[in-house]
N, C-alpha and C. Protein backbone atom coordinates (compact mmCIF):
# COMPACT_ATOMS: atom_id res chain seq x y z
N MET A 1 -20.93 -6.03 5.65
CA MET A 1 -20.92 -5.21 4.46
C MET A 1 -19.48 -5.01 4.01
N SER A 2 -19.20 -5.22 2.73
CA SER A 2 -17.84 -5.07 2.24
C SER A 2 -17.58 -3.64 1.79
N ALA A 3 -16.28 -3.29 1.74
CA ALA A 3 -15.89 -1.94 1.34
C ALA A 3 -16.14 -1.76 -0.16
N ARG A 4 -16.43 -0.56 -0.55
CA ARG A 4 -16.71 -0.21 -1.94
C ARG A 4 -15.51 0.54 -2.49
N LEU A 5 -15.02 0.14 -3.68
CA LEU A 5 -13.88 0.79 -4.32
C LEU A 5 -14.31 2.15 -4.84
N VAL A 6 -13.58 3.19 -4.45
CA VAL A 6 -13.89 4.55 -4.86
C VAL A 6 -12.88 5.04 -5.90
N ALA A 7 -11.61 4.75 -5.70
CA ALA A 7 -10.55 5.17 -6.62
C ALA A 7 -9.35 4.27 -6.38
N SER A 8 -8.38 4.31 -7.29
CA SER A 8 -7.17 3.54 -7.10
C SER A 8 -6.00 4.30 -7.68
N GLY A 9 -4.79 3.87 -7.34
CA GLY A 9 -3.60 4.53 -7.84
C GLY A 9 -2.38 3.69 -7.54
N ASP A 10 -1.23 4.22 -7.87
CA ASP A 10 0.00 3.53 -7.56
C ASP A 10 1.02 4.53 -7.07
N GLY A 11 2.09 4.04 -6.50
CA GLY A 11 3.10 4.92 -5.95
C GLY A 11 4.34 4.16 -5.58
N GLN A 12 5.22 4.84 -4.89
CA GLN A 12 6.48 4.26 -4.44
C GLN A 12 6.59 4.42 -2.94
N THR A 13 6.93 3.33 -2.26
CA THR A 13 7.13 3.38 -0.82
C THR A 13 8.46 4.06 -0.53
N LEU A 14 8.45 5.17 0.19
CA LEU A 14 9.67 5.89 0.52
C LEU A 14 10.23 5.47 1.87
N ASN A 15 9.31 5.13 2.79
CA ASN A 15 9.71 4.78 4.15
C ASN A 15 8.61 3.88 4.71
N ILE A 16 9.02 2.87 5.48
CA ILE A 16 8.04 1.97 6.09
C ILE A 16 8.48 1.66 7.51
N SER A 17 7.50 1.59 8.41
CA SER A 17 7.78 1.24 9.80
C SER A 17 6.65 0.34 10.29
N SER A 18 6.71 -0.07 11.53
CA SER A 18 5.65 -0.91 12.08
C SER A 18 4.35 -0.12 12.27
N ALA A 19 4.42 1.22 12.21
CA ALA A 19 3.23 2.04 12.42
C ALA A 19 2.63 2.59 11.13
N GLY A 20 3.43 2.69 10.03
CA GLY A 20 2.89 3.28 8.82
C GLY A 20 3.88 3.34 7.68
N LEU A 21 3.47 4.04 6.62
CA LEU A 21 4.28 4.18 5.42
C LEU A 21 4.26 5.62 4.93
N LEU A 22 5.35 6.03 4.30
CA LEU A 22 5.42 7.30 3.57
C LEU A 22 5.47 6.93 2.10
N ILE A 23 4.57 7.53 1.31
CA ILE A 23 4.38 7.13 -0.08
C ILE A 23 4.50 8.33 -1.01
N ALA A 24 5.18 8.14 -2.13
CA ALA A 24 5.21 9.14 -3.20
C ALA A 24 4.25 8.66 -4.28
N SER A 25 3.39 9.57 -4.76
CA SER A 25 2.40 9.20 -5.76
C SER A 25 2.02 10.42 -6.60
N ALA A 26 1.76 10.18 -7.87
CA ALA A 26 1.32 11.27 -8.76
C ALA A 26 -0.13 11.66 -8.44
N GLN A 27 -0.90 10.73 -7.87
CA GLN A 27 -2.28 11.03 -7.49
C GLN A 27 -2.28 11.69 -6.12
N SER A 28 -3.10 12.71 -5.96
CA SER A 28 -3.19 13.37 -4.66
C SER A 28 -4.29 12.71 -3.83
N VAL A 29 -4.05 12.67 -2.54
CA VAL A 29 -5.04 12.13 -1.60
C VAL A 29 -5.22 13.16 -0.49
N ARG A 30 -6.29 13.02 0.26
CA ARG A 30 -6.54 13.97 1.34
C ARG A 30 -6.41 13.28 2.69
N GLU A 31 -6.08 14.07 3.68
CA GLU A 31 -5.97 13.58 5.05
C GLU A 31 -7.29 12.96 5.49
N GLY A 32 -7.21 11.88 6.24
CA GLY A 32 -8.39 11.21 6.76
C GLY A 32 -8.93 10.12 5.85
N LEU A 33 -8.47 10.08 4.61
CA LEU A 33 -8.93 9.08 3.65
C LEU A 33 -8.48 7.69 4.08
N ARG A 34 -9.35 6.70 3.93
CA ARG A 34 -8.98 5.30 4.21
C ARG A 34 -8.52 4.67 2.90
N LEU A 35 -7.37 3.99 2.96
CA LEU A 35 -6.81 3.33 1.78
C LEU A 35 -6.53 1.87 2.09
N GLN A 36 -6.70 1.04 1.09
CA GLN A 36 -6.21 -0.33 1.17
C GLN A 36 -4.95 -0.38 0.31
N LEU A 37 -3.84 -0.78 0.91
CA LEU A 37 -2.55 -0.84 0.20
C LEU A 37 -2.18 -2.27 -0.10
N HIS A 38 -1.55 -2.47 -1.24
CA HIS A 38 -0.97 -3.76 -1.62
C HIS A 38 0.49 -3.46 -1.98
N VAL A 39 1.41 -3.95 -1.16
CA VAL A 39 2.83 -3.67 -1.34
C VAL A 39 3.55 -4.98 -1.63
N ASP A 40 4.20 -5.07 -2.79
CA ASP A 40 5.02 -6.25 -3.08
C ASP A 40 6.23 -6.21 -2.16
N TRP A 41 6.38 -7.24 -1.33
CA TRP A 41 7.44 -7.30 -0.33
C TRP A 41 8.75 -7.65 -1.01
N PRO A 42 9.86 -6.98 -0.65
CA PRO A 42 11.13 -7.20 -1.36
C PRO A 42 11.84 -8.51 -1.02
N TRP A 43 11.40 -9.23 0.01
CA TRP A 43 12.03 -10.50 0.40
C TRP A 43 11.09 -11.65 0.15
N LEU A 44 11.65 -12.81 -0.14
CA LEU A 44 10.87 -14.01 -0.41
C LEU A 44 10.71 -14.85 0.86
N LEU A 45 9.56 -15.46 1.02
CA LEU A 45 9.31 -16.38 2.11
C LEU A 45 10.11 -17.66 1.84
N ASP A 46 10.93 -18.07 2.79
CA ASP A 46 11.78 -19.25 2.63
C ASP A 46 12.65 -19.17 1.38
N GLY A 47 12.96 -17.95 0.94
CA GLY A 47 13.81 -17.74 -0.22
C GLY A 47 13.17 -18.12 -1.55
N MET A 48 11.86 -18.45 -1.54
CA MET A 48 11.22 -18.93 -2.77
C MET A 48 9.88 -18.28 -3.10
N THR A 49 9.10 -17.94 -2.10
CA THR A 49 7.71 -17.52 -2.33
C THR A 49 7.55 -16.01 -2.15
N PRO A 50 7.09 -15.31 -3.21
CA PRO A 50 6.85 -13.87 -3.09
C PRO A 50 5.75 -13.56 -2.08
N LEU A 51 5.91 -12.45 -1.37
CA LEU A 51 4.93 -11.99 -0.39
C LEU A 51 4.37 -10.64 -0.80
N GLN A 52 3.18 -10.36 -0.33
CA GLN A 52 2.56 -9.05 -0.54
C GLN A 52 1.97 -8.62 0.79
N LEU A 53 2.28 -7.38 1.19
CA LEU A 53 1.67 -6.78 2.36
C LEU A 53 0.35 -6.16 1.93
N VAL A 54 -0.74 -6.55 2.58
CA VAL A 54 -2.05 -5.97 2.31
C VAL A 54 -2.48 -5.27 3.60
N ALA A 55 -2.75 -3.97 3.51
CA ALA A 55 -3.00 -3.18 4.72
C ALA A 55 -4.19 -2.25 4.56
N GLU A 56 -4.96 -2.15 5.63
CA GLU A 56 -6.01 -1.13 5.76
C GLU A 56 -5.35 0.04 6.47
N THR A 57 -5.43 1.24 5.89
CA THR A 57 -4.72 2.39 6.43
C THR A 57 -5.60 3.63 6.45
N ARG A 58 -5.10 4.66 7.11
CA ARG A 58 -5.73 5.98 7.10
C ARG A 58 -4.64 7.01 6.80
N VAL A 59 -4.93 7.94 5.87
CA VAL A 59 -3.97 9.00 5.53
C VAL A 59 -3.90 9.97 6.71
N VAL A 60 -2.70 10.15 7.26
CA VAL A 60 -2.52 11.04 8.41
C VAL A 60 -1.83 12.35 8.01
N ARG A 61 -1.20 12.36 6.84
CA ARG A 61 -0.53 13.58 6.37
C ARG A 61 -0.46 13.52 4.85
N ALA A 62 -0.78 14.61 4.18
CA ALA A 62 -0.71 14.67 2.73
C ALA A 62 -0.20 16.04 2.31
N ASN A 63 0.85 16.04 1.49
CA ASN A 63 1.37 17.31 0.97
C ASN A 63 2.01 17.06 -0.39
N GLY A 64 1.44 17.66 -1.41
CA GLY A 64 1.97 17.54 -2.76
C GLY A 64 1.99 16.11 -3.25
N SER A 65 3.18 15.63 -3.59
CA SER A 65 3.31 14.31 -4.19
C SER A 65 3.60 13.21 -3.18
N GLN A 66 3.50 13.51 -1.88
CA GLN A 66 3.76 12.51 -0.85
C GLN A 66 2.61 12.48 0.16
N PHE A 67 2.38 11.29 0.71
CA PHE A 67 1.43 11.20 1.81
C PHE A 67 1.87 10.09 2.76
N ALA A 68 1.45 10.23 4.02
CA ALA A 68 1.79 9.26 5.05
C ALA A 68 0.50 8.58 5.51
N VAL A 69 0.59 7.27 5.74
CA VAL A 69 -0.56 6.52 6.22
C VAL A 69 -0.19 5.80 7.51
N ALA A 70 -1.18 5.67 8.38
CA ALA A 70 -1.03 4.88 9.60
C ALA A 70 -1.66 3.52 9.35
N LEU A 71 -0.97 2.46 9.76
CA LEU A 71 -1.50 1.11 9.61
C LEU A 71 -2.59 0.88 10.64
N GLU A 72 -3.75 0.43 10.20
CA GLU A 72 -4.83 0.07 11.11
C GLU A 72 -4.96 -1.44 11.23
N ARG A 73 -4.72 -2.14 10.14
CA ARG A 73 -4.80 -3.59 10.10
C ARG A 73 -3.97 -4.05 8.90
N TYR A 74 -3.25 -5.16 9.05
CA TYR A 74 -2.47 -5.65 7.92
C TYR A 74 -2.25 -7.15 8.00
N GLN A 75 -1.89 -7.72 6.86
CA GLN A 75 -1.52 -9.13 6.79
C GLN A 75 -0.58 -9.33 5.61
N PHE A 76 0.20 -10.40 5.67
CA PHE A 76 1.04 -10.78 4.55
C PHE A 76 0.35 -11.92 3.81
N ARG A 77 0.37 -11.84 2.50
CA ARG A 77 -0.20 -12.89 1.66
C ARG A 77 0.88 -13.38 0.71
N THR A 78 0.82 -14.65 0.38
CA THR A 78 1.73 -15.17 -0.63
C THR A 78 1.17 -14.78 -2.00
N SER A 79 2.05 -14.62 -2.97
CA SER A 79 1.61 -14.24 -4.30
C SER A 79 2.43 -15.00 -5.34
N LYS A 80 1.94 -15.00 -6.56
CA LYS A 80 2.65 -15.67 -7.65
C LYS A 80 3.89 -14.88 -8.02
N ARG A 81 4.91 -15.60 -8.43
CA ARG A 81 6.13 -14.95 -8.89
C ARG A 81 5.81 -14.21 -10.19
N GLN A 82 6.24 -12.96 -10.28
CA GLN A 82 5.98 -12.13 -11.46
C GLN A 82 7.06 -12.35 -12.51
N SER A 83 6.68 -12.49 -13.76
CA SER A 83 7.65 -12.68 -14.83
C SER A 83 8.26 -11.34 -15.26
N VAL A 84 7.54 -10.25 -14.99
CA VAL A 84 8.06 -8.91 -15.28
C VAL A 84 7.91 -8.07 -14.02
N PRO A 85 8.77 -7.08 -13.83
CA PRO A 85 8.65 -6.24 -12.63
C PRO A 85 7.30 -5.52 -12.61
N VAL A 86 6.74 -5.36 -11.42
CA VAL A 86 5.49 -4.63 -11.26
C VAL A 86 5.72 -3.47 -10.31
N ASP A 87 4.80 -2.51 -10.34
CA ASP A 87 4.88 -1.40 -9.38
C ASP A 87 4.86 -1.98 -7.98
N PRO A 88 5.73 -1.50 -7.10
CA PRO A 88 5.80 -2.08 -5.76
C PRO A 88 4.64 -1.72 -4.85
N LEU A 89 3.85 -0.74 -5.21
CA LEU A 89 2.77 -0.32 -4.34
C LEU A 89 1.53 -0.02 -5.17
N ILE A 90 0.43 -0.60 -4.79
CA ILE A 90 -0.87 -0.31 -5.40
C ILE A 90 -1.80 0.06 -4.25
N TRP A 91 -2.57 1.10 -4.42
CA TRP A 91 -3.50 1.48 -3.35
C TRP A 91 -4.88 1.68 -3.93
N ALA A 92 -5.86 1.56 -3.06
CA ALA A 92 -7.25 1.77 -3.45
C ALA A 92 -7.96 2.49 -2.32
N VAL A 93 -8.80 3.43 -2.68
CA VAL A 93 -9.62 4.14 -1.71
C VAL A 93 -10.92 3.35 -1.56
N THR A 94 -11.27 3.06 -0.31
CA THR A 94 -12.50 2.32 -0.08
C THR A 94 -13.45 3.14 0.79
N ALA A 95 -14.71 2.88 0.63
CA ALA A 95 -15.72 3.61 1.41
C ALA A 95 -16.47 2.66 2.30
């Protein structure tokens, strides 16, 4: 059974580690929520190919305009080079 999209939003990655991310977002989220994140990676694969981090996460802390997520599963995917800058982080709530 595949996950069902419940909501989506965007934000800015403030801090990233091997265990999780701290995110600033105008949309509020609640603790315990599962999110799928898509983060445009700032470095190119072999200096040529854009990468995107795609991660299944759980919100472990939420306060005001920031929330922290723990990484549960992730992978890097190659993506097309963007002709215009895009938001570096897109997230979706899945059920």
